[in-house]
Protein backbone atom coordinates (compact mmCIF):
# COMPACT_ATOMS: atom_id res chain seq x y z
CA MET A 1 174.42 3.08 131.26
CA LEU A 2 171.93 4.72 129.70
CA ARG A 3 168.16 3.42 130.13
CA THR A 4 166.06 2.55 126.92
CA PRO A 5 162.29 4.01 126.88
CA ARG A 6 159.86 1.86 127.92
CA LEU A 7 156.95 1.49 125.98
CA PRO A 8 153.78 2.27 127.62
CA LEU A 9 150.94 -0.93 128.02
CA THR A 10 148.02 0.31 126.12
CA ASN A 11 150.60 0.10 122.88
CA LEU A 12 151.21 -3.83 124.23
CA PHE A 13 147.57 -4.99 125.08
CA SER A 14 144.63 -4.04 123.77
CA ILE A 15 142.15 -2.38 126.16
CA ASN A 16 138.85 -1.90 125.70
CA ASN A 17 136.65 0.91 127.85
CA ASN A 18 133.48 0.43 126.47
CA MET A 19 131.15 0.28 129.03
CA GLU A 20 128.56 -1.08 127.12
CA GLN A 21 130.37 -4.45 125.48
CA GLN A 22 131.92 -5.09 129.21
CA LYS A 23 129.86 -6.99 131.25
CA ARG A 24 128.39 -6.54 134.19
CA THR A 25 127.84 -8.60 137.29
CA PRO A 26 123.85 -8.07 138.33
CA ARG A 27 123.79 -6.80 141.71
CA LYS A 28 122.78 -8.93 144.99
CA TYR A 29 120.29 -6.70 146.15
CA PRO A 30 118.83 -4.36 143.53
CA GLU A 31 115.99 -2.87 145.71
CA ILE A 32 118.97 -1.15 147.79
CA PRO A 33 120.31 2.19 145.40
CA THR A 34 124.27 1.48 146.43
CA VAL A 35 127.05 -1.20 146.71
CA GLN A 36 127.79 0.30 149.63
CA TRP A 37 124.68 -0.13 151.39
CA SER A 38 124.25 -3.74 149.99
CA THR A 39 127.89 -4.49 151.74
CA ARG A 40 126.53 -2.90 154.83
CA TYR A 41 123.78 -5.12 154.74
CA SER A 42 125.71 -8.28 154.32
CA ARG A 43 127.98 -7.57 156.68
CA ALA A 44 125.01 -6.45 159.34
CA LYS A 45 123.00 -9.72 158.60
CA ALA A 46 126.35 -12.39 158.87
CA GLN A 47 127.03 -10.52 162.15
CA ALA A 48 123.28 -10.97 163.54
CA LEU A 49 123.27 -14.88 162.63
CA PHE A 50 126.94 -15.42 163.69
CA ARG A 51 125.66 -14.12 167.22
CA GLY A 52 122.96 -16.53 167.18
CA GLU A 53 120.61 -13.65 166.80
CA GLY A 54 117.27 -13.79 163.91
CA TRP A 55 117.48 -11.60 161.39
CA GLN A 56 114.07 -10.59 159.47
CA LEU A 57 115.26 -7.63 158.06
CA SER A 58 114.83 -7.49 153.80
CA PRO A 59 116.84 -5.09 152.00
CA LYS A 60 114.69 -2.76 151.40
CA GLU A 61 113.29 -2.31 155.28
CA PHE A 62 116.90 -2.05 156.72
CA TRP A 63 117.59 0.49 153.60
CA GLU A 64 114.41 2.75 154.09
CA THR A 65 115.04 2.15 158.21
CA TRP A 66 118.38 3.91 157.84
CA LYS A 67 117.32 6.56 155.34
CA ALA A 68 114.38 7.77 157.89
CA SER A 69 116.61 8.40 160.22
CA GLY A 70 118.77 10.65 158.51
CA LEU A 71 121.74 9.34 160.43
CA THR A 72 125.05 7.74 158.52
CA PRO A 73 126.86 4.81 159.85
CA GLY A 74 130.37 5.26 161.15
CA PRO A 75 132.59 4.89 163.60
CA LYS A 76 132.52 8.47 165.24
CA SER A 77 130.19 9.38 168.06
CA THR A 78 127.78 11.48 165.75
CA ASP A 79 127.41 8.61 163.18
CA GLY A 80 124.35 6.36 163.46
CA CYS A 81 123.82 2.76 164.57
CA MET A 82 121.11 0.05 164.42
CA ILE A 83 120.33 -1.09 167.61
CA ARG A 84 117.44 -3.40 168.93
CA LEU A 85 114.93 -2.25 171.27
CA ASP A 86 113.84 -5.98 172.39
CA LYS A 87 117.30 -8.00 172.77
CA ALA A 88 114.91 -11.37 172.88
CA VAL A 89 113.27 -10.61 169.69
CA ALA A 90 115.03 -10.67 166.40
CA TRP A 91 116.16 -8.16 163.95
CA HIS A 92 112.87 -6.91 162.36
CA VAL A 93 111.65 -3.84 161.25
CA ASN A 94 109.32 -3.08 164.42
CA ASN A 95 112.23 -4.30 167.03
CA VAL A 96 115.40 -2.15 165.28
CA VAL A 97 115.71 1.87 165.59
CA VAL A 98 118.74 3.68 164.35
CA VAL A 99 120.22 6.04 167.11
CA GLU A 100 123.45 8.22 167.85
CA ARG A 101 126.45 6.03 168.46
CA ARG A 102 127.30 8.41 171.81
CA ASN A 103 123.75 8.12 173.08
CA TYR A 104 124.05 3.89 172.96
CA MET A 105 127.53 3.85 174.43
CA ARG A 106 126.24 6.07 177.10
CA LYS A 107 123.81 3.71 177.74
CA ASN A 108 125.79 0.45 177.91
CA PHE A 109 128.11 2.62 180.57
CA TYR A 110 124.85 3.03 182.43
CA GLU A 111 123.65 -0.22 182.40
CA ASN A 112 127.86 -2.52 182.70
CA CYS A 113 129.40 0.04 185.08
CA LEU A 114 127.17 2.84 186.76
CA LYS A 115 124.21 0.02 187.79
CA LYS A 116 127.02 -2.46 189.18
CA GLU A 117 128.35 -0.21 191.35
CA TYR A 118 124.99 1.22 192.85
CA VAL A 119 123.99 -1.87 193.34
CA GLU A 120 127.36 -2.95 195.08
CA SER A 121 127.32 0.34 197.13
CA ILE A 122 123.81 -0.72 198.24
CA HIS A 123 124.17 -4.48 198.92
CA GLY A 124 127.76 -4.80 199.04
CA TYR A 125 128.31 -7.35 196.22
CA VAL A 126 127.97 -7.38 192.22
CA ALA A 127 124.99 -8.60 190.99
CA PRO A 128 126.20 -11.24 188.13
């Protein structure tokens, strides 16, 4: 059976590639340079509010904190991680710092595992 050649879709539909005529939606946070950083800001804010933590960082402060650290966010141990210095206070420009993820995980490991083992070895029970 012979196949009939298909017509390219460009012949069937008129495609307008002119960027000047296409309507672009305005960005939600124009003070942040790229859309990826706007998404990171929105996700961080939504996660903090979901956990019931206060959020007082503006998009510009969020971007400048990351920019000053020289690190980029990500899942690797050498990537950056934004943390609060005082867990009782909201996310604020004076209460956040960007650190390497491995340093943050090392601190959590000490606080959650080694400290309990030390207390258990001395007192014979795990502190609540």
